Amino acid sequence: MALWKISAKSSTNAPCKNKRQKLEKGMFVETSTASTTPPLGQTREHPMLAQLFMSKYGIEIDPSHMNRSYFDCEKIG
């Protein structure tokens, strides 16, 4: 099991479904995974990551945009 911090690289509205919403640099969520593979590298994890951003910040992220272009993934545990 691994603990991960997924954070926004920069301020943008590009990955957001609603273009009036904006992802701000430094926004982050934390999650755990059963494997040691980063969740940004696993397509099946993207909807869960998008839901975490929705729950924490109220921002709808398009799961197809959950990638290293917009987010950093850091193993923290």
Protein backbone atom coordinates (compact mmCIF):
# COMPACT_ATOMS: atom_id res chain seq x y z
CA MET A 1 0.00 0.00 0.00
CA ALA A 2 1.21 3.51 -0.84
CA LEU A 3 0.05 7.03 0.02
CA TRP A 4 0.11 9.68 -2.74
CA LYS A 5 -0.25 13.45 -2.99
CA ILE A 6 -1.68 14.66 -6.32
CA SER A 7 -1.22 18.41 -6.78
CA ALA A 8 -1.94 20.95 -9.52
CA LYS A 9 1.19 22.12 -11.35
CA SER A 10 -0.21 25.51 -12.35
CA SER A 11 -3.35 27.63 -12.35
CA THR A 12 -5.55 26.72 -15.30
CA ASN A 13 -9.11 25.91 -16.29
CA ALA A 14 -8.02 23.40 -18.97
CA PRO A 15 -8.80 20.11 -17.16
CA CYS A 16 -12.10 21.40 -15.71
CA LYS A 17 -15.44 20.31 -17.21
CA ASN A 18 -17.00 23.68 -16.32
CA LYS A 19 -14.76 26.35 -17.85
CA ARG A 20 -15.88 28.86 -15.20
CA GLN A 21 -14.04 26.77 -12.62
CA LYS A 22 -10.32 27.12 -12.21
CA LEU A 23 -7.72 24.76 -10.87
CA GLU A 24 -5.24 26.75 -8.79
CA LYS A 25 -1.57 25.88 -8.44
CA GLY A 26 -0.98 23.96 -5.23
CA MET A 27 -4.46 22.46 -4.88
CA PHE A 28 -3.96 18.85 -3.85
CA VAL A 29 -5.65 15.66 -2.77
CA GLU A 30 -4.23 12.63 -1.01
CA THR A 31 -5.10 9.01 -1.71
CA SER A 32 -3.82 5.54 -1.04
CA THR A 33 -3.40 2.74 -3.55
CA ALA A 34 -2.92 -0.99 -3.17
CA SER A 35 0.04 -0.95 -5.54
CA THR A 36 3.18 1.16 -5.66
CA THR A 37 2.36 2.39 -9.18
CA PRO A 38 1.48 6.11 -9.20
CA PRO A 39 -2.28 6.66 -9.61
CA LEU A 40 -1.74 9.16 -12.46
CA GLY A 41 -0.28 6.26 -14.44
CA GLN A 42 -3.39 4.11 -13.95
CA THR A 43 -6.42 5.10 -16.02
CA ARG A 44 -8.76 3.18 -13.71
CA GLU A 45 -7.75 5.53 -10.84
CA HIS A 46 -8.54 8.78 -12.71
CA PRO A 47 -12.30 8.92 -11.92
CA MET A 48 -11.51 8.44 -8.22
CA LEU A 49 -8.94 11.26 -8.33
CA ALA A 50 -11.43 13.53 -10.11
CA GLN A 51 -14.00 12.71 -7.40
CA LEU A 52 -11.49 13.63 -4.68
CA PHE A 53 -11.00 17.09 -6.25
CA MET A 54 -14.80 17.45 -6.50
CA SER A 55 -15.26 16.50 -2.83
CA LYS A 56 -12.49 18.77 -1.55
CA TYR A 57 -12.77 21.83 -3.82
CA GLY A 58 -16.08 21.49 -5.70
CA ILE A 59 -14.22 21.45 -9.01
CA GLU A 60 -15.28 19.01 -11.73
CA ILE A 61 -12.13 17.62 -13.32
CA ASP A 62 -12.47 15.66 -16.55
CA PRO A 63 -10.97 12.23 -15.70
CA SER A 64 -9.38 12.06 -19.16
CA HIS A 65 -7.25 15.09 -18.15
CA MET A 66 -5.85 13.47 -15.00
CA ASN A 67 -2.27 13.26 -16.25
CA ARG A 68 1.19 14.63 -15.65
CA SER A 69 0.52 17.60 -17.95
CA TYR A 70 -1.59 19.22 -15.23
CA PHE A 71 -0.72 17.33 -12.04
CA ASP A 72 2.29 16.20 -10.02
CA CYS A 73 2.21 12.89 -8.21
CA GLU A 74 4.36 12.45 -5.12
CA LYS A 75 4.64 9.34 -2.98
CA ILE A 76 4.33 10.39 0.66
CA GLY A 77 4.02 7.08 2.44
